[in-house]
Amino acid sequence: MIIHSDCQSVICQLQENDKKKAILEVIDSCSIFQSLPDVERFKRGVLRRERIETTGIGHGVAIAHGKILGLDSVKIALGLSTKGIDFASKDGLPVHLLFVIASSPSIQIEYLRALSAILQSVRTEQVREHLLALKDLGHDERCERFFSMMSSQNFVWLCKTQKD
């Protein structure tokens, strides 16, 4: 298993405070999505899903997601918002942690595992605070602590299977 060492491939500091623009900013800023078979189609799918019902789950967290054919692994990135984004979350709080998930219909179990791991982890205030503290992406020690914590939670989005 190889852990991503480049924070900026999966984490970005958001400038946008509009929900739609913030989602697109995460997709455009995090290089993990550059390998998608059709990034524009993925963007449309995520925004279409968001129009159906908000993915703001409360406690300042949203988990936007979309499906795209041709993926063999779930890809997840995290956008951090200092200002907060109005996601029309049920608790009315602005979103500061915006996860975006790309998966394929053929890897539904992996998607559900990743979603479950995120939901379980962000339930704790300590994890949410730790994630928000990642605003300074150039700080290697903080980034390493984040990756260490997430890999111990079995976050598949931070781990790649080493190809032999």
N, C-alpha and C. Protein backbone atom coordinates (compact mmCIF):
# COMPACT_ATOMS: atom_id res chain seq x y z
N MET A 1 0.84 -1.17 0.00
CA MET A 1 0.00 0.00 0.00
C MET A 1 0.89 1.24 0.00
N ILE A 2 0.59 2.21 -0.87
CA ILE A 2 1.35 3.44 -0.95
C ILE A 2 0.43 4.58 -0.53
N ILE A 3 0.91 5.43 0.37
CA ILE A 3 0.13 6.58 0.82
C ILE A 3 0.51 7.78 -0.05
N HIS A 4 -0.50 8.53 -0.52
CA HIS A 4 -0.20 9.75 -1.27
C HIS A 4 0.64 10.66 -0.39
N SER A 5 1.72 11.21 -0.91
CA SER A 5 2.54 12.12 -0.12
C SER A 5 2.31 13.57 -0.51
N ASP A 6 1.55 13.81 -1.53
CA ASP A 6 1.30 15.16 -2.01
C ASP A 6 -0.09 15.60 -1.56
N CYS A 7 -0.13 16.42 -0.52
CA CYS A 7 -1.41 16.89 0.01
C CYS A 7 -2.26 17.54 -1.07
N GLN A 8 -1.63 18.30 -1.97
CA GLN A 8 -2.40 19.06 -2.93
C GLN A 8 -3.05 18.19 -4.01
N SER A 9 -2.71 16.91 -4.06
CA SER A 9 -3.41 16.05 -5.02
C SER A 9 -4.80 15.67 -4.51
N VAL A 10 -5.03 15.76 -3.20
CA VAL A 10 -6.33 15.38 -2.64
C VAL A 10 -6.96 16.42 -1.72
N ILE A 11 -6.26 17.53 -1.47
CA ILE A 11 -6.78 18.56 -0.57
C ILE A 11 -6.56 19.93 -1.21
N CYS A 12 -7.56 20.80 -1.12
CA CYS A 12 -7.39 22.17 -1.61
C CYS A 12 -8.06 23.15 -0.67
N GLN A 13 -7.53 24.36 -0.66
CA GLN A 13 -8.12 25.46 0.10
C GLN A 13 -9.11 26.17 -0.82
N LEU A 14 -10.37 26.21 -0.44
CA LEU A 14 -11.41 26.78 -1.29
C LEU A 14 -11.49 28.30 -1.16
N GLN A 15 -11.64 28.95 -2.30
CA GLN A 15 -11.86 30.40 -2.34
C GLN A 15 -13.35 30.70 -2.53
N GLU A 16 -14.04 29.80 -3.21
CA GLU A 16 -15.46 29.99 -3.53
C GLU A 16 -16.32 29.74 -2.29
N ASN A 17 -17.43 30.48 -2.18
CA ASN A 17 -18.38 30.19 -1.10
C ASN A 17 -19.76 29.86 -1.64
N ASP A 18 -19.88 29.75 -2.96
CA ASP A 18 -21.08 29.26 -3.61
C ASP A 18 -20.97 27.74 -3.76
N LYS A 19 -22.02 27.02 -3.43
CA LYS A 19 -21.99 25.55 -3.43
C LYS A 19 -21.52 24.98 -4.77
N LYS A 20 -22.14 25.36 -5.85
CA LYS A 20 -21.80 24.82 -7.17
C LYS A 20 -20.35 25.14 -7.52
N LYS A 21 -19.94 26.39 -7.34
CA LYS A 21 -18.59 26.81 -7.68
C LYS A 21 -17.55 26.11 -6.79
N ALA A 22 -17.90 25.88 -5.52
CA ALA A 22 -16.98 25.21 -4.61
C ALA A 22 -16.75 23.75 -5.02
N ILE A 23 -17.82 23.07 -5.41
CA ILE A 23 -17.69 21.69 -5.88
C ILE A 23 -16.77 21.64 -7.10
N LEU A 24 -17.01 22.53 -8.04
CA LEU A 24 -16.18 22.57 -9.25
C LEU A 24 -14.73 22.93 -8.92
N GLU A 25 -14.54 23.79 -7.93
CA GLU A 25 -13.19 24.16 -7.52
C GLU A 25 -12.43 22.96 -6.97
N VAL A 26 -13.09 22.13 -6.16
CA VAL A 26 -12.44 20.92 -5.64
C VAL A 26 -12.03 20.02 -6.80
N ILE A 27 -12.95 19.79 -7.73
CA ILE A 27 -12.67 18.90 -8.87
C ILE A 27 -11.53 19.45 -9.72
N ASP A 28 -11.54 20.75 -9.96
CA ASP A 28 -10.50 21.35 -10.80
C ASP A 28 -9.15 21.48 -10.09
N SER A 29 -9.17 21.65 -8.77
CA SER A 29 -7.93 21.92 -8.03
C SER A 29 -7.18 20.67 -7.58
N CYS A 30 -7.90 19.59 -7.35
CA CYS A 30 -7.26 18.37 -6.83
C CYS A 30 -6.91 17.45 -7.99
N SER A 31 -5.63 17.22 -8.17
CA SER A 31 -5.16 16.48 -9.35
C SER A 31 -5.61 15.02 -9.36
N ILE A 32 -6.11 14.51 -8.26
CA ILE A 32 -6.59 13.12 -8.23
C ILE A 32 -7.69 12.90 -9.27
N PHE A 33 -8.43 13.97 -9.62
CA PHE A 33 -9.52 13.85 -10.58
C PHE A 33 -9.07 13.99 -12.03
N GLN A 34 -7.83 14.35 -12.25
CA GLN A 34 -7.34 14.55 -13.63
C GLN A 34 -7.33 13.26 -14.43
N SER A 35 -7.26 12.12 -13.76
CA SER A 35 -7.20 10.84 -14.47
C SER A 35 -8.59 10.26 -14.78
N LEU A 36 -9.65 10.99 -14.43
CA LEU A 36 -11.00 10.50 -14.73
C LEU A 36 -11.20 10.38 -16.24
N PRO A 37 -11.94 9.37 -16.69
CA PRO A 37 -12.17 9.20 -18.13
C PRO A 37 -12.85 10.40 -18.79
N ASP A 38 -13.74 11.09 -18.05
CA ASP A 38 -14.45 12.25 -18.60
C ASP A 38 -14.77 13.20 -17.45
N VAL A 39 -13.86 14.13 -17.18
CA VAL A 39 -14.00 15.05 -16.03
C VAL A 39 -15.25 15.91 -16.17
N GLU A 40 -15.53 16.39 -17.37
CA GLU A 40 -16.70 17.26 -17.56
C GLU A 40 -18.01 16.50 -17.28
N ARG A 41 -18.08 15.28 -17.71
CA ARG A 41 -19.28 14.46 -17.43
C ARG A 41 -19.41 14.22 -15.93
N PHE A 42 -18.28 13.97 -15.27
CA PHE A 42 -18.29 13.78 -13.82
C PHE A 42 -18.82 15.04 -13.13
N LYS A 43 -18.33 16.20 -13.53
CA LYS A 43 -18.80 17.46 -12.94
C LYS A 43 -20.31 17.60 -13.07
N ARG A 44 -20.80 17.34 -14.28
CA ARG A 44 -22.25 17.44 -14.50
C ARG A 44 -23.02 16.46 -13.60
N GLY A 45 -22.49 15.25 -13.45
CA GLY A 45 -23.13 14.25 -12.60
C GLY A 45 -23.17 14.66 -11.13
N VAL A 46 -22.09 15.21 -10.65
CA VAL A 46 -22.04 15.66 -9.24
C VAL A 46 -23.04 16.79 -9.03
N LEU A 47 -23.06 17.75 -9.93
CA LEU A 47 -23.98 18.88 -9.78
C LEU A 47 -25.44 18.43 -9.93
N ARG A 48 -25.70 17.48 -10.82
CA ARG A 48 -27.06 16.94 -10.99
C ARG A 48 -27.51 16.26 -9.70
N ARG A 49 -26.62 15.48 -9.11
CA ARG A 49 -26.93 14.81 -7.83
C ARG A 49 -27.22 15.83 -6.74
N GLU A 50 -26.45 16.90 -6.72
CA GLU A 50 -26.62 17.93 -5.69
C GLU A 50 -27.97 18.64 -5.84
N ARG A 51 -28.45 18.77 -7.06
CA ARG A 51 -29.76 19.41 -7.28
C ARG A 51 -30.91 18.54 -6.75
N ILE A 52 -30.71 17.23 -6.72
CA ILE A 52 -31.75 16.32 -6.22
C ILE A 52 -31.97 16.54 -4.73
N GLU A 53 -30.89 16.58 -3.98
CA GLU A 53 -30.95 16.81 -2.54
C GLU A 53 -29.56 17.21 -2.07
N THR A 54 -29.51 18.10 -1.10
CA THR A 54 -28.21 18.55 -0.59
C THR A 54 -27.39 17.39 -0.04
N THR A 55 -26.10 17.48 -0.23
CA THR A 55 -25.19 16.49 0.37
C THR A 55 -24.53 17.06 1.62
N GLY A 56 -25.03 18.21 2.08
CA GLY A 56 -24.58 18.76 3.37
C GLY A 56 -25.14 17.91 4.48
N ILE A 57 -24.26 17.20 5.21
CA ILE A 57 -24.73 16.24 6.21
C ILE A 57 -24.78 16.81 7.61
N GLY A 58 -24.35 18.06 7.78
CA GLY A 58 -24.35 18.69 9.09
C GLY A 58 -22.95 18.77 9.68
N HIS A 59 -22.85 19.52 10.78
CA HIS A 59 -21.58 19.72 11.48
C HIS A 59 -20.51 20.33 10.57
N GLY A 60 -20.93 21.08 9.54
CA GLY A 60 -19.99 21.74 8.66
C GLY A 60 -19.37 20.84 7.61
N VAL A 61 -20.03 19.70 7.31
CA VAL A 61 -19.48 18.72 6.38
C VAL A 61 -20.48 18.47 5.24
N ALA A 62 -19.94 18.35 4.02
CA ALA A 62 -20.73 17.93 2.85
C ALA A 62 -19.94 16.86 2.11
N ILE A 63 -20.66 15.92 1.52
CA ILE A 63 -20.02 14.84 0.76
C ILE A 63 -20.70 14.76 -0.60
N ALA A 64 -20.22 15.59 -1.54
CA ALA A 64 -20.75 15.59 -2.90
C ALA A 64 -20.18 14.38 -3.64
N HIS A 65 -20.98 13.79 -4.52
CA HIS A 65 -20.50 12.59 -5.19
C HIS A 65 -21.16 12.39 -6.55
N GLY A 66 -20.47 11.64 -7.37
CA GLY A 66 -20.98 11.32 -8.70
C GLY A 66 -20.36 10.05 -9.22
N LYS A 67 -21.03 9.45 -10.18
CA LYS A 67 -20.57 8.20 -10.80
C LYS A 67 -20.00 8.50 -12.18
N ILE A 68 -18.99 7.74 -12.54
CA ILE A 68 -18.40 7.84 -13.87
C ILE A 68 -17.92 6.45 -14.26
N LEU A 69 -18.26 6.02 -15.45
CA LEU A 69 -17.83 4.69 -15.92
C LEU A 69 -16.33 4.66 -16.13
N GLY A 70 -15.75 3.49 -15.94
CA GLY A 70 -14.34 3.30 -16.27
C GLY A 70 -13.37 3.47 -15.12
N LEU A 71 -13.86 3.64 -13.90
CA LEU A 71 -12.96 3.75 -12.75
C LEU A 71 -12.78 2.39 -12.11
N ASP A 72 -11.56 2.11 -11.67
CA ASP A 72 -11.34 0.86 -10.95
C ASP A 72 -11.08 1.11 -9.47
N SER A 73 -11.10 2.39 -9.05
CA SER A 73 -10.96 2.72 -7.64
C SER A 73 -11.74 4.00 -7.35
N VAL A 74 -12.13 4.16 -6.10
CA VAL A 74 -12.83 5.36 -5.66
C VAL A 74 -11.80 6.47 -5.51
N LYS A 75 -12.16 7.66 -5.96
CA LYS A 75 -11.28 8.82 -5.85
C LYS A 75 -12.00 9.87 -5.01
N ILE A 76 -11.30 10.38 -3.98
CA ILE A 76 -11.90 11.35 -3.07
C ILE A 76 -10.94 12.50 -2.84
N ALA A 77 -11.48 13.70 -2.82
CA ALA A 77 -10.70 14.88 -2.49
C ALA A 77 -11.47 15.68 -1.45
N LEU A 78 -10.76 16.59 -0.81
CA LEU A 78 -11.32 17.39 0.26
C LEU A 78 -11.02 18.86 0.01
N GLY A 79 -12.07 19.67 0.01
CA GLY A 79 -11.92 21.12 -0.07
C GLY A 79 -12.17 21.71 1.29
N LEU A 80 -11.28 22.61 1.71
CA LEU A 80 -11.38 23.28 3.01
C LEU A 80 -11.84 24.71 2.81
N SER A 81 -12.88 25.12 3.52
CA SER A 81 -13.40 26.47 3.38
C SER A 81 -13.34 27.20 4.71
N THR A 82 -12.56 28.26 4.76
CA THR A 82 -12.48 29.07 5.97
C THR A 82 -13.77 29.86 6.16
N LYS A 83 -14.29 30.44 5.07
CA LYS A 83 -15.50 31.27 5.12
C LYS A 83 -16.75 30.46 5.38
N GLY A 84 -16.80 29.26 4.84
CA GLY A 84 -18.00 28.45 4.93
C GLY A 84 -18.84 28.60 3.68
N ILE A 85 -19.56 27.53 3.34
CA ILE A 85 -20.37 27.46 2.13
C ILE A 85 -21.79 27.10 2.53
N ASP A 86 -22.77 27.83 2.01
CA ASP A 86 -24.17 27.49 2.28
C ASP A 86 -24.55 26.28 1.43
N PHE A 87 -24.73 25.13 2.08
CA PHE A 87 -25.10 23.90 1.40
C PHE A 87 -26.55 23.51 1.68
N ALA A 88 -27.28 24.38 2.36
CA ALA A 88 -28.65 24.06 2.79
C ALA A 88 -28.67 22.77 3.60
N SER A 89 -27.66 22.62 4.46
CA SER A 89 -27.59 21.44 5.33
C SER A 89 -28.76 21.46 6.30
N LYS A 90 -29.17 20.30 6.74
CA LYS A 90 -30.34 20.19 7.61
C LYS A 90 -30.14 20.94 8.93
N ASP A 91 -28.89 21.04 9.41
CA ASP A 91 -28.64 21.76 10.66
C ASP A 91 -28.42 23.26 10.42
N GLY A 92 -28.44 23.70 9.16
CA GLY A 92 -28.32 25.11 8.84
C GLY A 92 -26.92 25.69 8.93
N LEU A 93 -25.94 24.87 9.31
CA LEU A 93 -24.57 25.36 9.45
C LEU A 93 -23.86 25.39 8.10
N PRO A 94 -22.96 26.37 7.91
CA PRO A 94 -22.19 26.40 6.67
C PRO A 94 -21.19 25.25 6.62
N VAL A 95 -20.84 24.84 5.41
CA VAL A 95 -19.90 23.73 5.20
C VAL A 95 -18.47 24.27 5.16
N HIS A 96 -17.60 23.64 5.94
CA HIS A 96 -16.18 23.97 5.94
C HIS A 96 -15.33 22.82 5.39
N LEU A 97 -15.89 21.62 5.40
CA LEU A 97 -15.23 20.43 4.88
C LEU A 97 -16.08 19.87 3.75
N LEU A 98 -15.59 20.01 2.52
CA LEU A 98 -16.33 19.55 1.34
C LEU A 98 -15.58 18.38 0.70
N PHE A 99 -16.08 17.18 0.93
CA PHE A 99 -15.53 15.99 0.29
C PHE A 99 -16.21 15.83 -1.07
N VAL A 100 -15.45 15.42 -2.08
CA VAL A 100 -16.01 15.09 -3.39
C VAL A 100 -15.54 13.68 -3.72
N ILE A 101 -16.50 12.81 -4.05
CA ILE A 101 -16.19 11.41 -4.33
C ILE A 101 -16.54 11.08 -5.78
N ALA A 102 -15.59 10.43 -6.46
CA ALA A 102 -15.84 9.89 -7.81
C ALA A 102 -15.77 8.37 -7.71
N SER A 103 -16.77 7.72 -8.24
CA SER A 103 -16.75 6.25 -8.26
C SER A 103 -17.48 5.77 -9.51
N SER A 104 -17.42 4.49 -9.71
CA SER A 104 -18.07 3.87 -10.86
C SER A 104 -19.18 2.95 -10.34
N PRO A 105 -20.25 2.78 -11.10
CA PRO A 105 -21.30 1.85 -10.68
C PRO A 105 -20.76 0.43 -10.44
N SER A 106 -19.66 0.09 -11.08
CA SER A 106 -19.12 -1.27 -10.95
C SER A 106 -18.33 -1.48 -9.65
N ILE A 107 -18.07 -0.40 -8.91
CA ILE A 107 -17.32 -0.54 -7.64
C ILE A 107 -18.15 0.03 -6.48
N GLN A 108 -19.42 -0.31 -6.47
CA GLN A 108 -20.36 0.21 -5.47
C GLN A 108 -19.95 -0.15 -4.04
N ILE A 109 -19.44 -1.34 -3.82
CA ILE A 109 -19.05 -1.75 -2.47
C ILE A 109 -17.90 -0.89 -1.96
N GLU A 110 -16.90 -0.63 -2.82
CA GLU A 110 -15.78 0.22 -2.44
C GLU A 110 -16.27 1.64 -2.14
N TYR A 111 -17.20 2.13 -2.95
CA TYR A 111 -17.78 3.46 -2.73
C TYR A 111 -18.47 3.52 -1.36
N LEU A 112 -19.28 2.52 -1.05
CA LEU A 112 -19.99 2.50 0.23
C LEU A 112 -19.02 2.41 1.41
N ARG A 113 -17.94 1.66 1.25
CA ARG A 113 -16.92 1.59 2.31
C ARG A 113 -16.26 2.95 2.53
N ALA A 114 -15.92 3.63 1.44
CA ALA A 114 -15.28 4.94 1.54
C ALA A 114 -16.24 5.94 2.19
N LEU A 115 -17.49 5.94 1.75
CA LEU A 115 -18.49 6.84 2.31
C LEU A 115 -18.68 6.56 3.80
N SER A 116 -18.76 5.30 4.16
CA SER A 116 -18.92 4.91 5.56
C SER A 116 -17.73 5.38 6.40
N ALA A 117 -16.52 5.23 5.86
CA ALA A 117 -15.32 5.65 6.60
C ALA A 117 -15.33 7.16 6.83
N ILE A 118 -15.73 7.92 5.81
CA ILE A 118 -15.81 9.37 5.97
C ILE A 118 -16.85 9.72 7.02
N LEU A 119 -18.04 9.16 6.88
CA LEU A 119 -19.13 9.46 7.82
C LEU A 119 -18.74 9.12 9.26
N GLN A 120 -18.11 7.98 9.45
CA GLN A 120 -17.71 7.57 10.79
C GLN A 120 -16.66 8.52 11.36
N SER A 121 -15.70 8.91 10.55
CA SER A 121 -14.62 9.76 11.03
C SER A 121 -15.05 11.18 11.33
N VAL A 122 -15.85 11.79 10.45
CA VAL A 122 -16.20 13.19 10.65
C VAL A 122 -17.26 13.38 11.74
N ARG A 123 -17.76 12.32 12.29
CA ARG A 123 -18.69 12.44 13.42
C ARG A 123 -18.02 13.06 14.63
N THR A 124 -16.71 12.86 14.76
CA THR A 124 -16.01 13.37 15.93
C THR A 124 -15.48 14.78 15.67
N GLU A 125 -15.67 15.65 16.64
CA GLU A 125 -15.21 17.03 16.52
C GLU A 125 -13.69 17.09 16.37
N GLN A 126 -12.99 16.17 17.02
CA GLN A 126 -11.53 16.15 16.95
C GLN A 126 -11.06 15.96 15.50
N VAL A 127 -11.66 15.05 14.76
CA VAL A 127 -11.27 14.83 13.37
C VAL A 127 -11.62 16.04 12.52
N ARG A 128 -12.80 16.62 12.72
CA ARG A 128 -13.18 17.81 11.95
C ARG A 128 -12.20 18.95 12.20
N GLU A 129 -11.82 19.16 13.44
CA GLU A 129 -10.85 20.21 13.77
C GLU A 129 -9.49 19.93 13.13
N HIS A 130 -9.07 18.67 13.17
CA HIS A 130 -7.80 18.30 12.56
C HIS A 130 -7.81 18.57 11.06
N LEU A 131 -8.90 18.23 10.41
CA LEU A 131 -9.01 18.47 8.97
C LEU A 131 -9.00 19.97 8.66
N LEU A 132 -9.71 20.75 9.45
CA LEU A 132 -9.73 22.20 9.22
C LEU A 132 -8.36 22.81 9.44
N ALA A 133 -7.54 22.21 10.28
CA ALA A 133 -6.20 22.73 10.55
C ALA A 133 -5.24 22.48 9.39
N LEU A 134 -5.68 21.79 8.37
CA LEU A 134 -4.82 21.50 7.22
C LEU A 134 -4.77 22.65 6.21
N LYS A 135 -5.23 23.83 6.62
CA LYS A 135 -5.26 24.97 5.70
C LYS A 135 -3.88 25.28 5.14
N ASP A 136 -2.85 25.07 5.94
CA ASP A 136 -1.49 25.33 5.49
C ASP A 136 -0.94 24.05 4.87
N LEU A 137 -1.23 23.85 3.58
CA LEU A 137 -0.88 22.59 2.92
C LEU A 137 0.62 22.40 2.74
N GLY A 138 1.39 23.46 2.88
CA GLY A 138 2.83 23.33 2.72
C GLY A 138 3.51 22.77 3.95
N HIS A 139 2.80 22.62 5.04
CA HIS A 139 3.39 22.16 6.29
C HIS A 139 3.46 20.63 6.28
N ASP A 140 4.63 20.10 6.01
CA ASP A 140 4.79 18.66 5.82
C ASP A 140 4.40 17.83 7.03
N GLU A 141 4.73 18.29 8.24
CA GLU A 141 4.42 17.51 9.44
C GLU A 141 2.91 17.37 9.62
N ARG A 142 2.19 18.45 9.43
CA ARG A 142 0.74 18.41 9.57
C ARG A 142 0.13 17.50 8.51
N CYS A 143 0.64 17.60 7.30
CA CYS A 143 0.15 16.76 6.21
C CYS A 143 0.42 15.29 6.51
N GLU A 144 1.61 14.99 6.99
CA GLU A 144 1.96 13.60 7.34
C GLU A 144 1.04 13.05 8.43
N ARG A 145 0.74 13.87 9.44
CA ARG A 145 -0.16 13.43 10.52
C ARG A 145 -1.54 13.13 9.95
N PHE A 146 -1.99 13.96 9.02
CA PHE A 146 -3.29 13.74 8.39
C PHE A 146 -3.32 12.41 7.64
N PHE A 147 -2.31 12.18 6.81
CA PHE A 147 -2.28 10.94 6.04
C PHE A 147 -2.16 9.73 6.95
N SER A 148 -1.40 9.87 8.00
CA SER A 148 -1.25 8.77 8.95
C SER A 148 -2.59 8.46 9.62
N MET A 149 -3.28 9.50 10.05
CA MET A 149 -4.58 9.32 10.70
C MET A 149 -5.58 8.69 9.73
N MET A 150 -5.63 9.18 8.50
CA MET A 150 -6.60 8.68 7.54
C MET A 150 -6.28 7.24 7.13
N SER A 151 -5.00 6.91 6.97
CA SER A 151 -4.68 5.54 6.58
C SER A 151 -5.01 4.57 7.71
N SER A 152 -4.89 5.03 8.95
CA SER A 152 -5.26 4.16 10.07
C SER A 152 -6.77 3.95 10.12
N GLN A 153 -7.53 4.85 9.50
CA GLN A 153 -8.99 4.72 9.42
C GLN A 153 -9.40 3.91 8.19
N ASN A 154 -8.41 3.39 7.46
CA ASN A 154 -8.67 2.64 6.22
C ASN A 154 -9.37 3.47 5.17
N PHE A 155 -8.95 4.72 5.02
CA PHE A 155 -9.50 5.57 3.98
C PHE A 155 -8.90 5.15 2.66
N VAL A 156 -9.69 4.50 1.83
CA VAL A 156 -9.18 3.97 0.57
C VAL A 156 -8.74 5.09 -0.38
N TRP A 157 -9.27 6.26 -0.22
CA TRP A 157 -8.93 7.35 -1.13
C TRP A 157 -7.52 7.85 -0.94
N LEU A 158 -6.90 7.57 0.17
CA LEU A 158 -5.53 8.00 0.40
C LEU A 158 -4.54 6.91 0.10
N CYS A 159 -5.03 5.72 -0.20
CA CYS A 159 -4.14 4.60 -0.38
C CYS A 159 -4.29 4.05 -1.80
N LYS A 160 -3.18 3.66 -2.38
CA LYS A 160 -3.21 3.00 -3.68
C LYS A 160 -2.59 1.63 -3.48
N THR A 161 -3.13 0.65 -4.13
CA THR A 161 -2.53 -0.67 -4.08
C THR A 161 -1.27 -0.64 -4.91
N GLN A 162 -0.20 -1.12 -4.32
CA GLN A 162 1.07 -1.16 -5.04
C GLN A 162 1.00 -2.23 -6.10
N LYS A 163 1.34 -1.87 -7.34
CA LYS A 163 1.30 -2.84 -8.43
C LYS A 163 2.62 -3.57 -8.51
N ASP A 164 2.58 -4.87 -8.51
CA ASP A 164 3.80 -5.67 -8.55
C ASP A 164 4.19 -6.00 -9.97
